[in-house]
N, C-alpha and C. Protein backbone atom coordinates (compact mmCIF):
# COMPACT_ATOMS: atom_id res chain seq x y z
N MET A 1 95.43 11.54 -167.93
CA MET A 1 94.10 11.54 -168.01
C MET A 1 93.82 9.92 -167.64
N ASN A 2 94.77 9.11 -168.28
CA ASN A 2 94.60 7.61 -167.97
C ASN A 2 95.01 7.45 -166.17
N PHE A 3 95.72 8.33 -165.71
CA PHE A 3 96.22 7.69 -164.20
C PHE A 3 94.82 8.52 -163.43
N VAL A 4 94.15 9.56 -163.82
CA VAL A 4 93.32 9.88 -163.00
C VAL A 4 91.65 9.33 -163.02
N TYR A 5 91.34 8.68 -164.29
CA TYR A 5 90.61 7.80 -164.41
C TYR A 5 90.96 6.14 -163.88
N PHE A 6 91.97 5.97 -163.49
CA PHE A 6 92.66 4.68 -162.89
C PHE A 6 92.06 4.86 -161.52
N PHE A 7 92.65 6.14 -160.91
CA PHE A 7 92.68 6.32 -159.62
C PHE A 7 91.20 6.75 -159.07
N ILE A 8 90.42 7.27 -159.87
CA ILE A 8 88.93 7.26 -159.44
C ILE A 8 88.21 5.99 -159.29
N HIS A 9 88.75 5.36 -160.61
CA HIS A 9 88.30 4.13 -160.37
C HIS A 9 88.31 2.78 -159.63
N PHE A 10 89.72 3.14 -159.45
CA PHE A 10 90.08 1.96 -158.11
C PHE A 10 89.93 2.69 -156.80
N TYR A 11 89.73 3.51 -156.36
CA TYR A 11 89.34 4.11 -155.01
C TYR A 11 87.58 3.43 -154.63
N SER A 12 86.84 4.02 -156.14
CA SER A 12 85.38 3.59 -155.92
C SER A 12 85.16 2.25 -155.89
N LYS A 13 86.09 1.64 -156.44
CA LYS A 13 85.75 -0.03 -155.95
C LYS A 13 86.32 -0.01 -154.69
N ILE A 14 87.21 0.39 -154.13
CA ILE A 14 87.90 -0.21 -152.52
C ILE A 14 86.72 0.41 -151.69
N ASP A 15 85.92 1.54 -152.14
CA ASP A 15 85.17 2.62 -151.12
C ASP A 15 83.78 1.64 -151.25
N PHE A 16 83.33 0.88 -152.26
CA PHE A 16 82.63 0.27 -152.52
C PHE A 16 82.35 -1.28 -151.46
N ILE A 17 83.68 -2.04 -151.80
CA ILE A 17 83.97 -3.21 -150.76
C ILE A 17 83.90 -2.82 -149.70
N GLY A 18 84.64 -1.79 -149.13
CA GLY A 18 84.57 -1.24 -147.56
C GLY A 18 83.13 -1.06 -147.15
N ILE A 19 82.36 -0.24 -147.93
CA ILE A 19 80.90 -0.11 -147.61
C ILE A 19 80.20 -1.63 -147.44
N ALA A 20 80.17 -2.55 -148.22
CA ALA A 20 79.67 -3.85 -148.29
C ALA A 20 80.51 -4.69 -147.14
N TYR A 21 81.73 -4.34 -146.68
CA TYR A 21 82.16 -5.33 -145.48
C TYR A 21 81.65 -4.75 -144.08
N ASN A 22 81.46 -3.22 -144.09
CA ASN A 22 80.65 -2.55 -142.98
C ASN A 22 79.34 -2.74 -142.84
N LYS A 23 78.94 -2.96 -143.85
CA LYS A 23 77.38 -3.79 -143.97
C LYS A 23 77.10 -4.98 -143.43
N ALA A 24 77.99 -6.03 -143.75
CA ALA A 24 78.15 -7.16 -143.22
C ALA A 24 78.01 -7.02 -142.19
N TYR A 25 79.24 -6.54 -141.61
CA TYR A 25 79.91 -6.43 -140.14
C TYR A 25 78.79 -5.83 -139.40
N VAL A 26 78.09 -5.07 -139.53
CA VAL A 26 76.72 -4.80 -138.62
C VAL A 26 75.45 -5.33 -138.82
N ALA A 27 75.52 -5.76 -139.89
CA ALA A 27 74.42 -6.90 -140.08
C ALA A 27 74.35 -7.98 -139.13
N TYR A 28 75.47 -8.75 -138.99
CA TYR A 28 75.73 -9.76 -138.44
C TYR A 28 76.29 -9.73 -137.09
N ASN A 29 76.45 -8.32 -136.49
CA ASN A 29 76.95 -8.30 -135.33
C ASN A 29 76.20 -8.56 -134.11
N PRO A 30 75.92 -9.20 -132.99
CA PRO A 30 75.45 -9.61 -131.93
C PRO A 30 75.17 -8.28 -131.04
N ALA A 31 76.20 -7.34 -131.12
CA ALA A 31 75.91 -5.98 -130.34
C ALA A 31 75.11 -5.29 -130.66
N VAL A 32 74.62 -5.56 -132.07
CA VAL A 32 73.68 -4.23 -132.67
C VAL A 32 72.35 -4.66 -132.69
N THR A 33 71.94 -4.12 -131.97
CA THR A 33 69.96 -4.69 -131.64
C THR A 33 69.37 -4.44 -133.07
N ASP A 34 67.96 -5.33 -133.17
CA ASP A 34 67.25 -5.45 -134.41
C ASP A 34 66.58 -3.70 -134.78
N ALA A 35 66.63 -3.08 -133.40
CA ALA A 35 66.05 -1.82 -133.73
C ALA A 35 66.88 -1.06 -134.64
N ASP A 36 68.31 -0.87 -134.23
CA ASP A 36 69.39 -0.44 -134.51
C ASP A 36 69.56 -0.77 -136.24
N LYS A 37 69.72 -1.89 -136.39
CA LYS A 37 69.12 -2.73 -137.83
C LYS A 37 68.31 -2.21 -138.77
N GLU A 38 67.42 -2.11 -138.11
CA GLU A 38 66.06 -1.18 -138.77
C GLU A 38 65.65 0.07 -139.03
N ARG A 39 66.57 0.79 -138.08
CA ARG A 39 67.01 2.26 -138.46
C ARG A 39 68.21 2.34 -139.60
N MET A 40 68.85 1.52 -139.60
CA MET A 40 69.61 1.63 -140.81
C MET A 40 69.35 1.27 -142.01
N GLY A 41 68.82 0.72 -141.96
CA GLY A 41 68.12 0.16 -143.25
C GLY A 41 68.49 -1.56 -143.38
N LEU A 42 69.17 -2.21 -142.79
CA LEU A 42 69.33 -3.25 -142.74
C LEU A 42 68.53 -4.43 -142.71
N PRO A 43 68.95 -5.60 -143.12
CA PRO A 43 67.71 -6.62 -143.02
C PRO A 43 67.68 -7.35 -141.75
N LEU A 44 67.02 -7.76 -141.21
CA LEU A 44 66.44 -8.55 -139.90
C LEU A 44 66.89 -10.11 -140.56
N HIS A 45 67.80 -10.61 -139.76
CA HIS A 45 67.72 -12.06 -140.12
C HIS A 45 67.41 -12.84 -139.06
N ASP A 46 66.68 -14.09 -139.19
CA ASP A 46 65.84 -14.93 -138.35
C ASP A 46 67.32 -15.58 -137.54
N THR A 47 67.00 -15.97 -136.26
CA THR A 47 68.11 -16.49 -135.62
C THR A 47 67.66 -17.99 -134.95
N THR A 48 66.71 -18.59 -135.36
CA THR A 48 65.91 -19.73 -135.02
C THR A 48 66.17 -20.64 -136.63
N ARG A 49 66.83 -21.65 -136.83
CA ARG A 49 67.03 -22.29 -137.73
C ARG A 49 65.41 -23.05 -138.29
N THR A 50 64.84 -22.90 -139.35
CA THR A 50 63.69 -23.40 -139.77
C THR A 50 63.96 -24.82 -140.15
N SER A 51 62.49 -25.63 -139.36
CA SER A 51 62.95 -27.12 -139.38
C SER A 51 62.38 -27.52 -141.17
N VAL A 52 62.85 -28.45 -141.50
CA VAL A 52 62.77 -29.24 -142.65
C VAL A 52 61.82 -30.56 -142.99
N PRO A 53 60.90 -30.69 -143.09
CA PRO A 53 59.84 -31.76 -142.88
C PRO A 53 60.66 -33.13 -143.89
N PRO A 54 60.43 -33.99 -143.39
CA PRO A 54 60.91 -35.29 -144.51
C PRO A 54 60.25 -35.00 -145.64
N PRO A 55 61.06 -35.47 -146.71
CA PRO A 55 60.14 -35.65 -148.20
C PRO A 55 58.55 -36.11 -148.25
N SER A 56 57.70 -35.70 -148.89
CA SER A 56 56.75 -36.25 -148.95
C SER A 56 56.01 -36.72 -150.33
N THR A 57 56.98 -36.08 -151.36
CA THR A 57 56.94 -36.47 -152.86
C THR A 57 57.67 -37.49 -153.37
N ILE A 58 57.29 -38.46 -154.54
CA ILE A 58 57.80 -39.14 -154.82
C ILE A 58 58.92 -39.09 -155.95
N PRO A 59 60.11 -39.24 -156.11
CA PRO A 59 60.84 -39.22 -157.45
C PRO A 59 60.15 -39.73 -159.15
N GLU A 60 60.56 -39.41 -159.80
CA GLU A 60 59.96 -39.70 -161.01
C GLU A 60 61.22 -39.92 -161.93
N LEU A 61 61.86 -41.05 -162.70
CA LEU A 61 62.87 -41.07 -163.24
C LEU A 61 62.60 -41.29 -164.69
N GLU A 62 63.56 -40.65 -165.40
CA GLU A 62 64.03 -40.86 -166.86
C GLU A 62 64.96 -42.06 -166.98
N LEU A 63 64.98 -43.10 -168.07
CA LEU A 63 66.41 -43.80 -167.89
C LEU A 63 66.80 -43.41 -169.47
N ASP A 64 68.10 -43.43 -169.81
CA ASP A 64 68.56 -43.50 -171.21
C ASP A 64 69.58 -44.49 -171.02
N SER A 65 69.19 -45.36 -171.82
CA SER A 65 70.38 -46.41 -172.06
C SER A 65 71.03 -46.07 -173.63
N SER A 66 71.33 -45.41 -174.18
CA SER A 66 71.66 -45.14 -175.44
C SER A 66 73.34 -45.27 -175.57
N ILE A 67 74.00 -45.47 -174.68
CA ILE A 67 75.44 -45.69 -174.38
C ILE A 67 75.75 -46.93 -174.01
N LEU A 68 76.54 -47.68 -174.61
CA LEU A 68 76.93 -49.34 -174.18
C LEU A 68 77.55 -49.24 -172.88
N ARG A 69 76.70 -50.25 -171.95
CA ARG A 69 77.08 -50.96 -170.71
C ARG A 69 76.84 -49.48 -169.76
N GLN A 70 76.01 -48.23 -170.11
CA GLN A 70 75.43 -47.71 -169.09
C GLN A 70 74.31 -47.17 -169.26
N VAL A 71 73.56 -47.15 -168.07
CA VAL A 71 72.33 -46.46 -167.47
C VAL A 71 72.16 -45.26 -166.87
N ILE A 72 71.67 -44.27 -167.58
CA ILE A 72 71.90 -42.88 -167.18
C ILE A 72 70.39 -42.78 -166.43
N VAL A 73 70.44 -42.40 -165.24
CA VAL A 73 68.92 -41.80 -164.66
C VAL A 73 69.05 -40.24 -164.27
N HIS A 74 68.04 -39.79 -164.99
CA HIS A 74 67.48 -38.60 -164.75
C HIS A 74 66.35 -38.43 -163.83
N PHE A 75 66.37 -37.71 -162.60
CA PHE A 75 65.31 -37.51 -161.87
C PHE A 75 64.68 -36.13 -161.84
N ARG A 76 63.35 -36.41 -161.13
CA ARG A 76 62.60 -35.30 -160.92
C ARG A 76 61.75 -35.07 -159.65
N ASP A 77 60.95 -34.63 -159.13
CA ASP A 77 59.90 -34.60 -158.35
C ASP A 77 58.71 -34.73 -159.55
N ALA A 78 57.86 -36.08 -158.93
CA ALA A 78 56.82 -36.34 -159.69
C ALA A 78 55.82 -35.43 -160.17
N GLY A 79 55.53 -35.05 -161.42
CA GLY A 79 54.59 -34.45 -161.84
C GLY A 79 55.35 -32.79 -162.09
N SER A 80 56.68 -32.52 -161.84
CA SER A 80 57.30 -31.29 -161.81
C SER A 80 57.83 -31.13 -163.39
N GLY A 81 57.61 -30.18 -164.02
CA GLY A 81 58.06 -30.17 -165.59
C GLY A 81 59.66 -30.08 -165.67
N SER A 82 60.36 -29.57 -164.50
CA SER A 82 61.78 -29.53 -165.00
C SER A 82 62.53 -30.48 -163.85
N ARG A 83 63.87 -30.85 -164.37
CA ARG A 83 64.60 -31.68 -163.71
C ARG A 83 65.23 -31.59 -162.38
N GLY A 84 65.38 -32.49 -161.50
CA GLY A 84 66.25 -31.74 -160.32
C GLY A 84 65.37 -32.13 -158.98
N LYS A 85 65.33 -31.72 -157.98
CA LYS A 85 64.96 -31.97 -156.68
C LYS A 85 63.94 -31.13 -155.97
N PRO A 86 63.11 -31.26 -155.46
CA PRO A 86 62.17 -30.22 -154.61
C PRO A 86 62.77 -29.63 -153.82
N PRO A 87 62.25 -28.66 -153.27
CA PRO A 87 62.76 -27.55 -152.11
C PRO A 87 63.35 -28.51 -150.87
N GLY A 88 64.07 -28.71 -150.02
CA GLY A 88 64.25 -29.13 -148.86
C GLY A 88 64.70 -30.63 -149.33
N VAL A 89 65.00 -31.14 -150.03
CA VAL A 89 65.86 -32.39 -150.49
C VAL A 89 67.35 -32.20 -150.80
N HIS A 90 68.18 -33.51 -149.97
CA HIS A 90 69.33 -33.27 -150.13
C HIS A 90 69.68 -34.19 -151.41
N GLY A 91 69.09 -35.06 -151.31
CA GLY A 91 69.44 -36.10 -152.69
C GLY A 91 68.51 -37.34 -152.99
N ILE A 92 68.89 -38.16 -153.63
CA ILE A 92 67.79 -39.09 -154.01
C ILE A 92 68.54 -40.43 -153.73
N GLU A 93 67.97 -41.45 -153.04
CA GLU A 93 68.58 -43.00 -152.53
C GLU A 93 67.93 -43.73 -153.91
N LEU A 94 68.45 -44.61 -154.43
CA LEU A 94 68.31 -45.49 -155.88
C LEU A 94 68.70 -46.99 -155.26
N ARG A 95 67.58 -47.55 -154.79
CA ARG A 95 67.68 -49.10 -154.39
C ARG A 95 67.82 -49.78 -156.25
N TRP A 96 68.68 -50.57 -156.35
CA TRP A 96 68.73 -51.45 -157.59
C TRP A 96 69.36 -52.77 -157.36
N SER A 97 69.31 -53.49 -158.28
CA SER A 97 69.62 -54.65 -158.44
C SER A 97 69.73 -55.18 -159.83
N LEU A 98 70.90 -56.20 -160.30
CA LEU A 98 70.36 -56.86 -161.48
C LEU A 98 69.44 -58.25 -161.29
N ARG A 99 68.70 -58.54 -161.79
CA ARG A 99 67.81 -59.37 -161.66
C ARG A 99 67.19 -60.49 -162.65
N ALA A 100 67.19 -61.62 -162.75
CA ALA A 100 66.21 -62.32 -163.59
C ALA A 100 64.85 -62.12 -164.16
N SER A 101 64.14 -61.79 -162.71
CA SER A 101 62.96 -61.37 -162.75
C SER A 101 62.71 -60.26 -161.85
N PRO A 102 61.41 -60.08 -162.03
CA PRO A 102 60.97 -58.72 -161.18
C PRO A 102 61.04 -58.67 -159.84
N PRO A 103 61.77 -58.15 -158.98
CA PRO A 103 61.55 -57.85 -157.44
C PRO A 103 59.91 -57.90 -156.97
N ALA A 104 59.62 -58.53 -156.04
CA ALA A 104 58.38 -58.28 -155.48
C ALA A 104 58.12 -57.09 -154.29
N SER A 105 59.36 -56.66 -154.00
CA SER A 105 59.39 -55.32 -153.21
C SER A 105 60.53 -54.72 -153.20
N VAL A 106 60.70 -53.34 -152.73
CA VAL A 106 61.79 -52.91 -152.63
C VAL A 106 62.90 -53.56 -152.14
N GLU A 107 62.66 -54.12 -150.83
CA GLU A 107 63.73 -55.08 -150.26
C GLU A 107 64.27 -56.02 -150.80
N ASP A 108 63.67 -56.63 -152.05
CA ASP A 108 64.44 -57.24 -152.88
C ASP A 108 65.41 -57.20 -153.40
N LEU A 109 65.81 -55.27 -153.64
CA LEU A 109 66.66 -54.91 -154.46
C LEU A 109 67.73 -54.82 -153.40
N ALA A 110 68.87 -55.24 -153.75
CA ALA A 110 70.10 -55.42 -152.94
C ALA A 110 71.09 -54.34 -152.51
N ASN A 111 71.42 -53.66 -153.99
CA ASN A 111 72.11 -52.53 -153.73
C ASN A 111 71.17 -51.14 -153.40
N SER A 112 72.52 -49.98 -153.30
CA SER A 112 71.86 -49.06 -152.75
C SER A 112 72.83 -47.85 -153.65
N ALA A 113 72.40 -46.74 -154.11
CA ALA A 113 73.23 -45.46 -154.60
C ALA A 113 72.51 -44.39 -154.04
N PHE A 114 73.39 -43.62 -153.81
CA PHE A 114 72.95 -41.90 -153.55
C PHE A 114 73.56 -40.87 -154.50
N ASP A 115 72.72 -39.81 -154.60
CA ASP A 115 73.08 -38.95 -155.41
C ASP A 115 72.61 -37.61 -155.25
N THR A 116 73.08 -36.47 -155.46
CA THR A 116 72.43 -35.13 -154.94
C THR A 116 72.06 -34.29 -155.98
N ALA A 117 72.72 -34.82 -157.55
CA ALA A 117 72.39 -33.97 -158.69
C ALA A 117 72.11 -34.89 -160.05
N THR A 118 71.09 -34.57 -160.48
CA THR A 118 70.82 -35.04 -161.67
C THR A 118 71.60 -35.25 -163.06
N PRO A 119 72.26 -36.12 -163.59
CA PRO A 119 71.55 -37.47 -163.49
C PRO A 119 72.96 -37.89 -162.73
N TYR A 120 72.42 -39.34 -162.41
CA TYR A 120 73.21 -40.77 -161.83
C TYR A 120 73.51 -41.78 -163.28
N THR A 121 74.66 -41.85 -163.08
CA THR A 121 75.19 -42.84 -164.29
C THR A 121 75.14 -44.49 -163.61
N PHE A 122 74.98 -45.19 -164.23
CA PHE A 122 75.11 -46.67 -163.50
C PHE A 122 76.21 -47.18 -164.99
N ARG A 123 76.98 -47.83 -164.53
CA ARG A 123 78.34 -48.23 -165.42
C ARG A 123 78.62 -49.66 -164.96
N PHE A 124 78.22 -50.45 -166.18
CA PHE A 124 78.39 -51.80 -166.07
C PHE A 124 79.83 -52.51 -166.87
N ASP A 125 80.08 -54.08 -166.55
CA ASP A 125 81.00 -54.60 -167.11
C ASP A 125 80.01 -55.29 -168.48
N GLU A 126 81.25 -55.84 -169.62
CA GLU A 126 80.61 -56.42 -170.27
C GLU A 126 79.62 -57.54 -170.23
N PRO A 127 80.02 -58.62 -169.53
CA PRO A 127 79.29 -59.80 -168.89
C PRO A 127 77.84 -59.58 -168.32
N GLU A 128 77.92 -57.96 -167.91
CA GLU A 128 76.08 -57.89 -167.31
C GLU A 128 75.41 -57.37 -168.68
N ARG A 129 75.78 -56.90 -169.56
CA ARG A 129 75.15 -56.81 -171.30
C ARG A 129 73.70 -57.28 -170.98
N GLY A 130 72.84 -56.81 -171.45
CA GLY A 130 71.60 -57.73 -171.65
C GLY A 130 70.99 -57.92 -170.36
N LYS A 131 71.46 -57.63 -169.27
CA LYS A 131 70.65 -58.05 -167.88
C LYS A 131 69.94 -56.82 -167.57
N ALA A 132 68.74 -57.41 -166.97
CA ALA A 132 67.61 -56.14 -166.66
C ALA A 132 68.10 -55.66 -165.13
N LEU A 133 67.96 -54.30 -165.25
CA LEU A 133 68.53 -53.52 -163.93
C LEU A 133 66.71 -52.88 -163.78
N TYR A 134 66.96 -53.22 -162.36
CA TYR A 134 65.58 -52.84 -161.24
C TYR A 134 66.13 -51.57 -160.56
N LEU A 135 65.04 -50.58 -160.63
CA LEU A 135 65.55 -49.41 -159.85
C LEU A 135 64.25 -49.19 -159.05
N CYS A 136 64.71 -48.37 -157.63
CA CYS A 136 63.18 -47.92 -156.90
C CYS A 136 63.74 -46.57 -156.21
N PRO A 137 63.15 -45.89 -156.36
CA PRO A 137 64.15 -44.33 -155.67
C PRO A 137 63.15 -43.75 -154.43
N ARG A 138 63.97 -42.73 -153.88
CA ARG A 138 62.88 -42.35 -153.10
C ARG A 138 63.92 -40.86 -152.39
N TRP A 139 63.55 -39.88 -151.79
CA TRP A 139 64.17 -38.74 -151.59
C TRP A 139 64.62 -38.83 -150.41
N GLU A 140 65.53 -37.77 -149.88
CA GLU A 140 66.13 -37.67 -148.69
C GLU A 140 66.73 -36.50 -148.40
N ASN A 141 66.17 -35.93 -146.93
CA ASN A 141 66.57 -34.42 -146.79
C ASN A 141 68.15 -34.65 -146.04
N ASN A 142 68.04 -33.23 -145.55
CA ASN A 142 69.68 -33.11 -144.97
C ASN A 142 69.69 -33.65 -143.79
N LYS A 143 68.61 -34.12 -142.98
CA LYS A 143 69.07 -34.96 -142.04
C LYS A 143 68.72 -36.11 -141.97
N GLY A 144 68.38 -36.60 -143.26
CA GLY A 144 68.57 -38.07 -143.29
C GLY A 144 67.09 -38.72 -143.47
N GLU A 145 66.18 -38.17 -143.10
CA GLU A 145 64.80 -38.52 -143.21
C GLU A 145 64.49 -38.64 -144.92
N LYS A 146 64.10 -40.08 -144.83
CA LYS A 146 63.60 -40.22 -146.19
C LYS A 146 62.24 -40.46 -146.17
N GLY A 147 62.00 -40.06 -147.83
CA GLY A 147 60.44 -40.17 -148.12
C GLY A 147 59.84 -40.98 -149.02
N PRO A 148 58.77 -41.45 -149.23
CA PRO A 148 58.03 -42.81 -149.58
C PRO A 148 58.97 -43.26 -150.96
N TRP A 149 58.51 -44.36 -151.29
CA TRP A 149 59.55 -45.27 -152.18
C TRP A 149 58.77 -44.51 -153.53
N GLY A 150 59.18 -44.69 -154.73
CA GLY A 150 58.77 -44.56 -155.98
C GLY A 150 58.25 -45.63 -156.60
N GLU A 151 58.01 -45.55 -157.71
CA GLU A 151 57.88 -47.18 -158.58
C GLU A 151 59.18 -47.82 -158.74
N ILE A 152 58.83 -49.20 -159.03
CA ILE A 152 60.29 -49.81 -159.43
C ILE A 152 60.10 -50.07 -160.84
N VAL A 153 61.29 -49.36 -161.31
CA VAL A 153 61.61 -49.30 -163.14
C VAL A 153 62.46 -50.24 -163.56
N LYS A 154 62.40 -50.61 -164.68
CA LYS A 154 62.92 -51.49 -165.45
C LYS A 154 63.90 -51.12 -166.42
N ALA A 155 65.12 -51.23 -167.00
CA ALA A 155 66.04 -50.69 -167.96
C ALA A 155 67.03 -52.48 -168.34
N ILE A 156 67.22 -51.98 -169.41
CA ILE A 156 68.24 -53.40 -170.20
C ILE A 156 69.38 -53.16 -170.17
N VAL A 157 70.70 -53.61 -169.62
CA VAL A 157 71.89 -52.93 -169.96
C VAL A 157 72.11 -53.26 -171.14
N PRO A 158 72.74 -52.01 -171.95
CA PRO A 158 73.07 -52.37 -173.11
C PRO A 158 74.34 -52.60 -173.57
């Protein structure tokens, strides 16, 4: 009885894998016409790449300085209720600098960091504790096109 169950179960899995392989092979085979794919009930795939425009929204930052010598930066699309990137965005550029006085513009922030998933963690050495960290974010898509800069925000290195 166990052998029969195994035999039926095993070959039904192989049959399913074979059907899935054949379906994928036919669906992506350039020799099969769209009319043939439609008659077989297979999906028709777009052959041209969809262009992704440069990001147009501004990132919103949430800073967490609850761990010594670390500032954790959570980011999301401004106005969005969930953390993370908007559609079509590859990652976030964070311009930053440890400064005694607030920067006049983004160009005054000397360092740059890039991340593709929230959160990003800044780690500092003991002598940098108590200094002001200034950050300014912007989104970037897969083609390297950059969106507008967000607000410059400040955190004190714990």
